[in-house]
Amino acid sequence: MARKVGSGGKHKRALRGRGNTPKAKDRVYHKAYKGRKNGQGKPQQNRKPSSTGRGAGADWVVGRNPVLEAMKAGLPVKAAYVAEGSDRDNRLADIFKYAAENSITLLQTTRGELDRLTGGSVHQGVAMQLPSYEYADAQDLMADALYDDDKQALVVMLDGITDPHNLGAIVRSAAAFNAHGVVIPERRSASMTAVAWKSSAGAAARIAVAKTTNINRAIDQYKKAGYTVVGLAGGGDADIAATPGLDGPLVIVVGSEGAGISRLTQEKCDVLASIPISNSVESLNASVAAAIALYEVSRVRG
């Protein structure tokens, strides 16, 4: 292998007069220079606010269309804000009108403060914050449903539902088919955020949603109280319409669309029921499956 030989200093004069290489922050074409010009030790990152509201907390609704839709859906309002100097359009006029007709106070604030409150989301000068959701107690729900003289006890339990849209849709179906409430686990589950509230179309205000630390322990408690526990599973023992126990105190367990009900929770169920579907479709969305099962229960009960 040939050795690379130096020039012996023959090219030293070519290096004269150039001096030291300027630092990055002193080179006008370098991004570090732009950061220094902006008064920062590090260059600024061009971060664009999210147009989907990801910067806002789960209890915030931002943007003119979402805020108006949330108001009309009956979502509870902790505080509603309008930024000073916001451009007036028909949608903002609709918000003002609806707020006035429904005694919703709109607080005026600066655009900078609204940016801060919503985490830099694109709020279009309007945002609404929901109060913290007040969850029911799973055991209280169990007892209240059993002693209801007007309708037979019916509770939906969710195992692994992490999409708030699905949670809201299931709450809506539970209310539509006379269920007493929905039980969700504290961990690895969607919760009653603004998205879930909106997906429930206001039904979350009319039906209890309870939290439990352990869904399997809750199933044991409900079974001891006299409930039949039916789990929805693709390879179930029977068609949901022909499942025994639908006319008595009942718990329907719904799992996630992907994994379904966990193995241990399946073992806790009294029976696993399926919804017959075409072979061309692998599975149903969790909220759709819950709605079909609840309809079958209501049909059996007359």
C-alpha atoms as a PDB file:
ATOM      1  CA  MET A   1       0.000   0.000   0.000  1.00  0.00           C
ATOM      2  CA  ALA A   2       1.496   3.327  -1.041  1.00  0.00           C
ATOM      3  CA  ARG A   3       2.245   5.899   1.639  1.00  0.00           C
ATOM      4  CA  LYS A   4       0.850   9.407   1.220  1.00  0.00           C
ATOM      5  CA  VAL A   5       3.733  11.886   1.364  1.00  0.00           C
ATOM      6  CA  GLY A   6       3.319  15.485   2.529  1.00  0.00           C
ATOM      7  CA  SER A   7       4.265  18.530   0.441  1.00  0.00           C
ATOM      8  CA  GLY A   8       7.241  19.370   2.646  1.00  0.00           C
ATOM      9  CA  GLY A   9       5.888  22.872   3.161  1.00  0.00           C
ATOM     10  CA  LYS A  10       5.866  23.770  -0.532  1.00  0.00           C
ATOM     11  CA  HIS A  11       2.217  24.883  -0.350  1.00  0.00           C
ATOM     12  CA  LYS A  12       2.524  26.848   2.903  1.00  0.00           C
ATOM     13  CA  ARG A  13       2.235  30.208   1.135  1.00  0.00           C
ATOM     14  CA  ALA A  14      -1.180  29.204  -0.221  1.00  0.00           C
ATOM     15  CA  LEU A  15      -2.453  29.163   3.313  1.00  0.00           C
ATOM     16  CA  ARG A  16      -1.168  32.609   4.314  1.00  0.00           C
ATOM     17  CA  GLY A  17      -3.495  35.498   5.030  1.00  0.00           C
ATOM     18  CA  ARG A  18      -6.657  33.425   5.559  1.00  0.00           C
ATOM     19  CA  GLY A  19      -6.564  33.369   9.350  1.00  0.00           C
ATOM     20  CA  ASN A  20      -8.632  31.111  11.584  1.00  0.00           C
ATOM     21  CA  THR A  21     -11.849  29.558  10.328  1.00  0.00           C
ATOM     22  CA  PRO A  22     -14.807  31.707  11.563  1.00  0.00           C
ATOM     23  CA  LYS A  23     -17.075  30.142  14.150  1.00  0.00           C
ATOM     24  CA  ALA A  24     -20.448  28.886  12.960  1.00  0.00           C
ATOM     25  CA  LYS A  25     -22.293  31.658  14.773  1.00  0.00           C
ATOM     26  CA  ASP A  26     -20.227  34.269  12.857  1.00  0.00           C
ATOM     27  CA  ARG A  27     -20.965  32.866   9.402  1.00  0.00           C
ATOM     28  CA  VAL A  28     -23.956  34.714   7.936  1.00  0.00           C
ATOM     29  CA  TYR A  29     -25.013  31.746   5.841  1.00  0.00           C
ATOM     30  CA  HIS A  30     -25.023  29.331   8.820  1.00  0.00           C
ATOM     31  CA  LYS A  31     -28.195  28.594  10.805  1.00  0.00           C
ATOM     32  CA  ALA A  32     -26.307  29.275  14.055  1.00  0.00           C
ATOM     33  CA  TYR A  33     -25.871  32.875  12.896  1.00  0.00           C
ATOM     34  CA  LYS A  34     -29.645  33.218  12.501  1.00  0.00           C
ATOM     35  CA  GLY A  35     -30.149  31.895  15.994  1.00  0.00           C
ATOM     36  CA  ARG A  36     -27.646  34.415  17.364  1.00  0.00           C
ATOM     37  CA  LYS A  37     -29.369  37.215  15.441  1.00  0.00           C
ATOM     38  CA  ASN A  38     -32.633  36.265  17.150  1.00  0.00           C
ATOM     39  CA  GLY A  39     -30.932  36.663  20.517  1.00  0.00           C
ATOM     40  CA  GLN A  40     -30.685  32.957  21.310  1.00  0.00           C
ATOM     41  CA  GLY A  41     -27.743  30.763  22.090  1.00  0.00           C
ATOM     42  CA  LYS A  42     -29.105  28.096  19.760  1.00  0.00           C
ATOM     43  CA  PRO A  43     -30.788  28.468  16.392  1.00  0.00           C
ATOM     44  CA  GLN A  44     -34.551  28.672  16.431  1.00  0.00           C
ATOM     45  CA  GLN A  45     -36.519  25.731  15.163  1.00  0.00           C
ATOM     46  CA  ASN A  46     -39.327  26.598  12.819  1.00  0.00           C
ATOM     47  CA  ARG A  47     -42.125  24.855  14.665  1.00  0.00           C
ATOM     48  CA  LYS A  48     -45.499  25.286  13.088  1.00  0.00           C
ATOM     49  CA  PRO A  49     -48.521  25.173  15.382  1.00  0.00           C
ATOM     50  CA  SER A  50     -50.623  22.078  14.923  1.00  0.00           C
ATOM     51  CA  SER A  51     -53.779  22.594  12.909  1.00  0.00           C
ATOM     52  CA  THR A  52     -55.330  19.545  14.607  1.00  0.00           C
ATOM     53  CA  GLY A  53     -55.136  20.972  18.104  1.00  0.00           C
ATOM     54  CA  ARG A  54     -52.521  18.500  19.344  1.00  0.00           C
ATOM     55  CA  GLY A  55     -50.925  21.180  21.446  1.00  0.00           C
ATOM     56  CA  ALA A  56     -54.074  21.639  23.520  1.00  0.00           C
ATOM     57  CA  GLY A  57     -54.916  19.415  26.464  1.00  0.00           C
ATOM     58  CA  ALA A  58     -57.465  16.618  26.197  1.00  0.00           C
ATOM     59  CA  ASP A  59     -60.101  18.825  27.818  1.00  0.00           C
ATOM     60  CA  TRP A  60     -59.835  21.590  25.188  1.00  0.00           C
ATOM     61  CA  VAL A  61     -61.804  22.177  21.990  1.00  0.00           C
ATOM     62  CA  VAL A  62     -60.129  24.649  19.615  1.00  0.00           C
ATOM     63  CA  GLY A  63     -61.178  26.250  16.321  1.00  0.00           C
ATOM     64  CA  ARG A  64     -64.409  27.865  15.197  1.00  0.00           C
ATOM     65  CA  ASN A  65     -66.138  24.837  13.682  1.00  0.00           C
ATOM     66  CA  PRO A  66     -65.181  22.428  16.526  1.00  0.00           C
ATOM     67  CA  VAL A  67     -66.241  24.913  19.221  1.00  0.00           C
ATOM     68  CA  LEU A  68     -69.625  25.576  17.620  1.00  0.00           C
ATOM     69  CA  GLU A  69     -70.233  21.843  17.082  1.00  0.00           C
ATOM     70  CA  ALA A  70     -69.210  21.112  20.684  1.00  0.00           C
ATOM     71  CA  MET A  71     -71.632  23.734  22.001  1.00  0.00           C
ATOM     72  CA  LYS A  72     -74.489  22.363  19.890  1.00  0.00           C
ATOM     73  CA  ALA A  73     -73.657  18.792  21.006  1.00  0.00           C
ATOM     74  CA  GLY A  74     -74.252  19.847  24.601  1.00  0.00           C
ATOM     75  CA  LEU A  75     -70.703  19.476  25.872  1.00  0.00           C
ATOM     76  CA  PRO A  76     -70.306  21.038  29.318  1.00  0.00           C
ATOM     77  CA  VAL A  77     -68.380  24.321  29.356  1.00  0.00           C
ATOM     78  CA  LYS A  78     -65.870  25.252  32.031  1.00  0.00           C
ATOM     79  CA  ALA A  79     -64.668  28.324  30.142  1.00  0.00           C
ATOM     80  CA  ALA A  80     -64.953  29.666  26.591  1.00  0.00           C
ATOM     81  CA  TYR A  81     -62.542  32.212  25.139  1.00  0.00           C
ATOM     82  CA  VAL A  82     -62.460  34.630  22.223  1.00  0.00           C
ATOM     83  CA  ALA A  83     -59.229  36.410  21.280  1.00  0.00           C
ATOM     84  CA  GLU A  84     -59.280  40.181  20.944  1.00  0.00           C
ATOM     85  CA  GLY A  85     -59.295  41.416  17.362  1.00  0.00           C
ATOM     86  CA  SER A  86     -60.419  38.089  15.879  1.00  0.00           C
ATOM     87  CA  ASP A  87     -61.670  38.335  12.310  1.00  0.00           C
ATOM     88  CA  ARG A  88     -65.452  38.299  12.248  1.00  0.00           C
ATOM     89  CA  ASP A  89     -67.103  35.765   9.978  1.00  0.00           C
ATOM     90  CA  ASN A  90     -70.411  33.900   9.882  1.00  0.00           C
ATOM     91  CA  ARG A  91     -69.082  31.071  12.043  1.00  0.00           C
ATOM     92  CA  LEU A  92     -67.902  33.416  14.781  1.00  0.00           C
ATOM     93  CA  ALA A  93     -71.265  35.199  14.597  1.00  0.00           C
ATOM     94  CA  ASP A  94     -72.975  31.810  15.053  1.00  0.00           C
ATOM     95  CA  ILE A  95     -70.832  31.143  18.126  1.00  0.00           C
ATOM     96  CA  PHE A  96     -71.752  34.494  19.661  1.00  0.00           C
ATOM     97  CA  LYS A  97     -75.430  33.909  18.913  1.00  0.00           C
ATOM     98  CA  TYR A  98     -75.501  30.359  20.299  1.00  0.00           C
ATOM     99  CA  ALA A  99     -73.584  31.400  23.420  1.00  0.00           C
ATOM    100  CA  ALA A 100     -76.001  34.263  24.071  1.00  0.00           C
ATOM    101  CA  GLU A 101     -79.084  32.086  23.563  1.00  0.00           C
ATOM    102  CA  ASN A 102     -77.750  29.358  25.858  1.00  0.00           C
ATOM    103  CA  SER A 103     -76.210  31.512  28.611  1.00  0.00           C
ATOM    104  CA  ILE A 104     -72.627  30.554  27.795  1.00  0.00           C
ATOM    105  CA  THR A 105     -70.152  33.236  28.853  1.00  0.00           C
ATOM    106  CA  LEU A 106     -67.436  34.083  26.324  1.00  0.00           C
ATOM    107  CA  LEU A 107     -64.313  35.499  27.975  1.00  0.00           C
ATOM    108  CA  GLN A 108     -62.227  37.937  25.951  1.00  0.00           C
ATOM    109  CA  THR A 109     -58.471  37.436  26.098  1.00  0.00           C
ATOM    110  CA  THR A 110     -55.362  38.288  24.095  1.00  0.00           C
ATOM    111  CA  ARG A 111     -54.260  36.091  21.233  1.00  0.00           C
ATOM    112  CA  GLY A 112     -50.969  35.437  23.012  1.00  0.00           C
ATOM    113  CA  GLU A 113     -52.738  34.251  26.157  1.00  0.00           C
ATOM    114  CA  LEU A 114     -55.005  31.978  24.121  1.00  0.00           C
ATOM    115  CA  ASP A 115     -51.908  30.582  22.392  1.00  0.00           C
ATOM    116  CA  ARG A 116     -50.501  29.782  25.817  1.00  0.00           C
ATOM    117  CA  LEU A 117     -53.707  28.208  27.121  1.00  0.00           C
ATOM    118  CA  THR A 118     -54.084  25.939  24.094  1.00  0.00           C
ATOM    119  CA  GLY A 119     -50.418  24.979  23.780  1.00  0.00           C
ATOM    120  CA  GLY A 120     -49.852  26.750  20.477  1.00  0.00           C
ATOM    121  CA  SER A 121     -52.778  25.117  18.663  1.00  0.00           C
ATOM    122  CA  VAL A 122     -54.374  26.817  15.668  1.00  0.00           C
ATOM    123  CA  HIS A 123     -57.451  28.046  17.533  1.00  0.00           C
ATOM    124  CA  GLN A 124     -58.721  30.684  15.015  1.00  0.00           C
ATOM    125  CA  GLY A 125     -59.323  32.991  17.957  1.00  0.00           C
ATOM    126  CA  VAL A 126     -61.806  30.679  19.711  1.00  0.00           C
ATOM    127  CA  ALA A 127     -61.357  27.883  22.275  1.00  0.00           C
ATOM    128  CA  MET A 128     -63.431  26.090  24.881  1.00  0.00           C
ATOM    129  CA  GLN A 129     -62.349  24.154  27.971  1.00  0.00           C
ATOM    130  CA  LEU A 130     -64.401  21.320  29.448  1.00  0.00           C
ATOM    131  CA  PRO A 131     -64.607  20.641  33.188  1.00  0.00           C
ATOM    132  CA  SER A 132     -62.983  17.496  34.536  1.00  0.00           C
ATOM    133  CA  TYR A 133     -65.307  14.543  34.007  1.00  0.00           C
ATOM    134  CA  GLU A 134     -66.859  13.143  37.183  1.00  0.00           C
ATOM    135  CA  TYR A 135     -66.694   9.357  36.949  1.00  0.00           C
ATOM    136  CA  ALA A 136     -69.175   7.152  38.748  1.00  0.00           C
ATOM    137  CA  ASP A 137     -68.109   4.318  41.042  1.00  0.00           C
ATOM    138  CA  ALA A 138     -68.312   0.877  39.416  1.00  0.00           C
ATOM    139  CA  GLN A 139     -69.878  -0.756  42.483  1.00  0.00           C
ATOM    140  CA  ASP A 140     -72.428   2.037  42.889  1.00  0.00           C
ATOM    141  CA  LEU A 141     -73.372   1.577  39.238  1.00  0.00           C
ATOM    142  CA  MET A 142     -73.763  -2.168  39.825  1.00  0.00           C
ATOM    143  CA  ALA A 143     -76.155  -1.611  42.735  1.00  0.00           C
ATOM    144  CA  ASP A 144     -78.106   1.253  41.141  1.00  0.00           C
ATOM    145  CA  ALA A 145     -78.777  -0.825  38.025  1.00  0.00           C
ATOM    146  CA  LEU A 146     -79.973  -3.838  40.055  1.00  0.00           C
ATOM    147  CA  TYR A 147     -82.449  -1.797  42.068  1.00  0.00           C
ATOM    148  CA  ASP A 148     -83.858   0.164  39.136  1.00  0.00           C
ATOM    149  CA  ASP A 149     -87.579  -0.625  38.965  1.00  0.00           C
ATOM    150  CA  ASP A 150     -88.007   0.892  35.511  1.00  0.00           C
ATOM    151  CA  LYS A 151     -85.655  -1.308  33.485  1.00  0.00           C
ATOM    152  CA  GLN A 152     -83.553  -4.456  33.709  1.00  0.00           C
ATOM    153  CA  ALA A 153     -79.932  -3.999  34.714  1.00  0.00           C
ATOM    154  CA  LEU A 154     -77.562  -3.546  31.769  1.00  0.00           C
ATOM    155  CA  VAL A 155     -73.920  -2.418  31.954  1.00  0.00           C
ATOM    156  CA  VAL A 156     -71.210  -2.281  29.280  1.00  0.00           C
ATOM    157  CA  MET A 157     -67.593  -2.956  30.258  1.00  0.00           C
ATOM    158  CA  LEU A 158     -64.688  -2.018  27.996  1.00  0.00           C
ATOM    159  CA  ASP A 159     -61.410  -3.904  27.820  1.00  0.00           C
ATOM    160  CA  GLY A 160     -58.617  -2.196  25.870  1.00  0.00           C
ATOM    161  CA  ILE A 161     -60.638   0.541  24.132  1.00  0.00           C
ATOM    162  CA  THR A 162     -58.012   3.256  23.683  1.00  0.00           C
ATOM    163  CA  ASP A 163     -59.645   5.372  20.956  1.00  0.00           C
ATOM    164  CA  PRO A 164     -61.749   8.177  22.495  1.00  0.00           C
ATOM    165  CA  HIS A 165     -63.942   8.222  19.361  1.00  0.00           C
ATOM    166  CA  ASN A 166     -64.873   4.581  20.020  1.00  0.00           C
ATOM    167  CA  LEU A 167     -65.466   5.279  23.696  1.00  0.00           C
ATOM    168  CA  GLY A 168     -67.799   8.174  22.899  1.00  0.00           C
ATOM    169  CA  ALA A 169     -69.679   6.152  20.290  1.00  0.00           C
ATOM    170  CA  ILE A 170     -70.156   3.245  22.732  1.00  0.00           C
ATOM    171  CA  VAL A 171     -71.443   5.635  25.410  1.00  0.00           C
ATOM    172  CA  ARG A 172     -73.902   6.983  22.849  1.00  0.00           C
ATOM    173  CA  SER A 173     -75.133   3.485  21.927  1.00  0.00           C
ATOM    174  CA  ALA A 174     -75.378   2.486  25.599  1.00  0.00           C
ATOM    175  CA  ALA A 175     -77.635   5.479  26.240  1.00  0.00           C
ATOM    176  CA  ALA A 176     -79.699   4.761  23.112  1.00  0.00           C
ATOM    177  CA  PHE A 177     -80.420   1.157  24.150  1.00  0.00           C
ATOM    178  CA  ASN A 178     -81.234   1.833  27.817  1.00  0.00           C
ATOM    179  CA  ALA A 179     -78.010   0.683  29.441  1.00  0.00           C
ATOM    180  CA  HIS A 180     -77.347   1.992  32.937  1.00  0.00           C
ATOM    181  CA  GLY A 181     -73.721   2.837  32.307  1.00  0.00           C
ATOM    182  CA  VAL A 182     -70.295   2.038  30.939  1.00  0.00           C
ATOM    183  CA  VAL A 183     -67.302   0.825  32.980  1.00  0.00           C
ATOM    184  CA  ILE A 184     -63.729   1.497  31.856  1.00  0.00           C
ATOM    185  CA  PRO A 185     -60.391   0.558  33.464  1.00  0.00           C
ATOM    186  CA  GLU A 186     -58.179   3.286  34.912  1.00  0.00           C
ATOM    187  CA  ARG A 187     -55.161   2.216  32.837  1.00  0.00           C
ATOM    188  CA  ARG A 188     -54.700   1.446  29.145  1.00  0.00           C
ATOM    189  CA  SER A 189     -58.057   2.929  28.252  1.00  0.00           C
ATOM    190  CA  ALA A 190     -59.482   5.997  26.598  1.00  0.00           C
ATOM    191  CA  SER A 191     -61.090   8.423  29.018  1.00  0.00           C
ATOM    192  CA  MET A 192     -63.843  11.013  28.794  1.00  0.00           C
ATOM    193  CA  THR A 193     -61.914  13.717  26.977  1.00  0.00           C
ATOM    194  CA  ALA A 194     -63.370  16.424  24.745  1.00  0.00           C
ATOM    195  CA  VAL A 195     -63.103  14.001  21.796  1.00  0.00           C
ATOM    196  CA  ALA A 196     -65.068  11.286  23.616  1.00  0.00           C
ATOM    197  CA  TRP A 197     -67.658  13.815  24.785  1.00  0.00           C
ATOM    198  CA  LYS A 198     -68.171  15.019  21.232  1.00  0.00           C
ATOM    199  CA  SER A 199     -68.394  11.465  19.831  1.00  0.00           C
ATOM    200  CA  SER A 200     -71.082  10.654  22.392  1.00  0.00           C
ATOM    201  CA  ALA A 201     -73.216  13.478  20.903  1.00  0.00           C
ATOM    202  CA  GLY A 202     -74.105  14.657  24.393  1.00  0.00           C
ATOM    203  CA  ALA A 203     -75.084  11.184  25.670  1.00  0.00           C
ATOM    204  CA  ALA A 204     -72.256  11.346  28.223  1.00  0.00           C
ATOM    205  CA  ALA A 205     -74.391  13.817  30.160  1.00  0.00           C
ATOM    206  CA  ARG A 206     -77.255  11.293  30.401  1.00  0.00           C
ATOM    207  CA  ILE A 207     -75.487   8.047  31.301  1.00  0.00           C
ATOM    208  CA  ALA A 208     -72.917   7.086  33.923  1.00  0.00           C
ATOM    209  CA  VAL A 209     -69.334   6.274  32.996  1.00  0.00           C
ATOM    210  CA  ALA A 210     -67.482   4.541  35.828  1.00  0.00           C
ATOM    211  CA  LYS A 211     -63.817   3.741  36.342  1.00  0.00           C
ATOM    212  CA  THR A 212     -62.396   0.648  37.981  1.00  0.00           C
ATOM    213  CA  THR A 213     -58.824  -0.184  38.951  1.00  0.00           C
ATOM    214  CA  ASN A 214     -59.190  -3.767  37.715  1.00  0.00           C
ATOM    215  CA  ILE A 215     -61.727  -4.842  35.091  1.00  0.00           C
ATOM    216  CA  ASN A 216     -61.451  -8.545  36.000  1.00  0.00           C
ATOM    217  CA  ARG A 217     -62.097  -7.871  39.677  1.00  0.00           C
ATOM    218  CA  ALA A 218     -65.097  -5.776  38.676  1.00  0.00           C
ATOM    219  CA  ILE A 219     -66.440  -8.682  36.598  1.00  0.00           C
ATOM    220  CA  ASP A 220     -66.159 -10.992  39.636  1.00  0.00           C
ATOM    221  CA  GLN A 221     -68.104  -8.480  41.753  1.00  0.00           C
ATOM    222  CA  TYR A 222     -70.854  -8.143  39.161  1.00  0.00           C
ATOM    223  CA  LYS A 223     -71.145 -11.928  38.807  1.00  0.00           C
ATOM    224  CA  LYS A 224     -71.494 -12.339  42.585  1.00  0.00           C
ATOM    225  CA  ALA A 225     -74.275  -9.741  42.500  1.00  0.00           C
ATOM    226  CA  GLY A 226     -76.216 -11.867  39.984  1.00  0.00           C
ATOM    227  CA  TYR A 227     -75.167 -10.460  36.613  1.00  0.00           C
ATOM    228  CA  THR A 228     -74.570 -12.656  33.571  1.00  0.00           C
ATOM    229  CA  VAL A 229     -71.340 -11.551  31.889  1.00  0.00           C
ATOM    230  CA  VAL A 230     -71.253 -11.891  28.094  1.00  0.00           C
ATOM    231  CA  GLY A 231     -68.031 -11.172  26.216  1.00  0.00           C
ATOM    232  CA  LEU A 232     -68.070 -10.243  22.527  1.00  0.00           C
ATOM    233  CA  ALA A 233     -65.556 -12.395  20.633  1.00  0.00           C
ATOM    234  CA  GLY A 234     -65.159 -13.434  17.024  1.00  0.00           C
ATOM    235  CA  GLY A 235     -64.914 -17.110  17.963  1.00  0.00           C
ATOM    236  CA  GLY A 236     -67.755 -16.973  20.467  1.00  0.00           C
ATOM    237  CA  ASP A 237     -69.793 -19.941  21.639  1.00  0.00           C
ATOM    238  CA  ALA A 238     -73.089 -18.600  20.318  1.00  0.00           C
ATOM    239  CA  ASP A 239     -74.703 -15.920  18.195  1.00  0.00           C
ATOM    240  CA  ILE A 240     -75.327 -12.855  20.373  1.00  0.00           C
ATOM    241  CA  ALA A 241     -79.048 -13.028  19.534  1.00  0.00           C
ATOM    242  CA  ALA A 242     -79.289 -16.572  20.945  1.00  0.00           C
ATOM    243  CA  THR A 243     -77.102 -16.096  24.008  1.00  0.00           C
ATOM    244  CA  PRO A 244     -78.752 -17.119  27.293  1.00  0.00           C
ATOM    245  CA  GLY A 245     -79.114 -14.555  30.048  1.00  0.00           C
ATOM    246  CA  LEU A 246     -79.874 -11.472  27.931  1.00  0.00           C
ATOM    247  CA  ASP A 247     -83.219 -10.951  29.690  1.00  0.00           C
ATOM    248  CA  GLY A 248     -81.687 -10.725  33.178  1.00  0.00           C
ATOM    249  CA  PRO A 249     -79.070  -8.499  34.855  1.00  0.00           C
ATOM    250  CA  LEU A 250     -76.398  -8.317  32.185  1.00  0.00           C
ATOM    251  CA  VAL A 251     -72.846  -7.131  31.555  1.00  0.00           C
ATOM    252  CA  ILE A 252     -71.592  -6.929  27.967  1.00  0.00           C
ATOM    253  CA  VAL A 253     -67.804  -6.878  27.662  1.00  0.00           C
ATOM    254  CA  VAL A 254     -66.332  -5.253  24.546  1.00  0.00           C
ATOM    255  CA  GLY A 255     -62.658  -5.546  23.601  1.00  0.00           C
ATOM    256  CA  SER A 256     -60.480  -3.605  21.214  1.00  0.00           C
ATOM    257  CA  GLU A 257     -60.904  -4.052  17.470  1.00  0.00           C
ATOM    258  CA  GLY A 258     -57.389  -5.415  17.057  1.00  0.00           C
ATOM    259  CA  ALA A 259     -56.697  -7.645  20.062  1.00  0.00           C
ATOM    260  CA  GLY A 260     -60.269  -8.137  21.253  1.00  0.00           C
ATOM    261  CA  ILE A 261     -60.932  -9.126  24.857  1.00  0.00           C
ATOM    262  CA  SER A 262     -57.834 -10.203  26.768  1.00  0.00           C
ATOM    263  CA  ARG A 263     -57.407 -13.909  27.530  1.00  0.00           C
ATOM    264  CA  LEU A 264     -57.923 -13.536  31.288  1.00  0.00           C
ATOM    265  CA  THR A 265     -61.041 -11.408  30.804  1.00  0.00           C
ATOM    266  CA  GLN A 266     -62.454 -13.989  28.377  1.00  0.00           C
ATOM    267  CA  GLU A 267     -62.008 -16.637  31.052  1.00  0.00           C
ATOM    268  CA  LYS A 268     -63.957 -14.480  33.512  1.00  0.00           C
ATOM    269  CA  CYS A 269     -66.970 -14.211  31.187  1.00  0.00           C
ATOM    270  CA  ASP A 270     -69.912 -16.597  31.631  1.00  0.00           C
ATOM    271  CA  VAL A 271     -70.242 -16.914  27.861  1.00  0.00           C
ATOM    272  CA  LEU A 272     -68.522 -15.606  24.734  1.00  0.00           C
ATOM    273  CA  ALA A 273     -70.883 -14.408  22.013  1.00  0.00           C
ATOM    274  CA  SER A 274     -70.206 -13.574  18.390  1.00  0.00           C
ATOM    275  CA  ILE A 275     -71.829 -11.352  15.772  1.00  0.00           C
ATOM    276  CA  PRO A 276     -72.168 -13.202  12.433  1.00  0.00           C
ATOM    277  CA  ILE A 277     -70.496 -11.237   9.640  1.00  0.00           C
ATOM    278  CA  SER A 278     -69.382 -11.897   6.083  1.00  0.00           C
ATOM    279  CA  ASN A 279     -66.149 -13.821   5.559  1.00  0.00           C
ATOM    280  CA  SER A 280     -64.899 -10.929   3.453  1.00  0.00           C
ATOM    281  CA  VAL A 281     -64.623  -8.763   6.586  1.00  0.00           C
ATOM    282  CA  GLU A 282     -62.216  -9.732   9.341  1.00  0.00           C
ATOM    283  CA  SER A 283     -63.849  -7.832  12.203  1.00  0.00           C
ATOM    284  CA  LEU A 284     -66.168  -4.999  13.150  1.00  0.00           C
ATOM    285  CA  ASN A 285     -65.216  -1.713  14.717  1.00  0.00           C
ATOM    286  CA  ALA A 286     -65.574  -2.023  18.503  1.00  0.00           C
ATOM    287  CA  SER A 287     -68.258   0.656  18.735  1.00  0.00           C
ATOM    288  CA  VAL A 288     -70.253  -0.936  15.899  1.00  0.00           C
ATOM    289  CA  ALA A 289     -70.068  -4.361  17.573  1.00  0.00           C
ATOM    290  CA  ALA A 290     -71.232  -2.862  20.858  1.00  0.00           C
ATOM    291  CA  ALA A 291     -74.191  -1.162  19.163  1.00  0.00           C
ATOM    292  CA  ILE A 292     -75.297  -4.388  17.450  1.00  0.00           C
ATOM    293  CA  ALA A 293     -75.040  -6.359  20.702  1.00  0.00           C
ATOM    294  CA  LEU A 294     -77.013  -3.724  22.608  1.00  0.00           C
ATOM    295  CA  TYR A 295     -79.703  -3.762  19.921  1.00  0.00           C
ATOM    296  CA  GLU A 296     -80.034  -7.540  20.198  1.00  0.00           C
ATOM    297  CA  VAL A 297     -80.386  -7.249  23.970  1.00  0.00           C
ATOM    298  CA  SER A 298     -83.115  -4.624  23.612  1.00  0.00           C
ATOM    299  CA  ARG A 299     -84.902  -6.790  21.026  1.00  0.00           C
ATOM    300  CA  VAL A 300     -84.840  -9.840  23.310  1.00  0.00           C
ATOM    301  CA  ARG A 301     -86.137  -7.763  26.205  1.00  0.00           C
ATOM    302  CA  GLY A 302     -88.915  -6.366  24.055  1.00  0.00           C
END
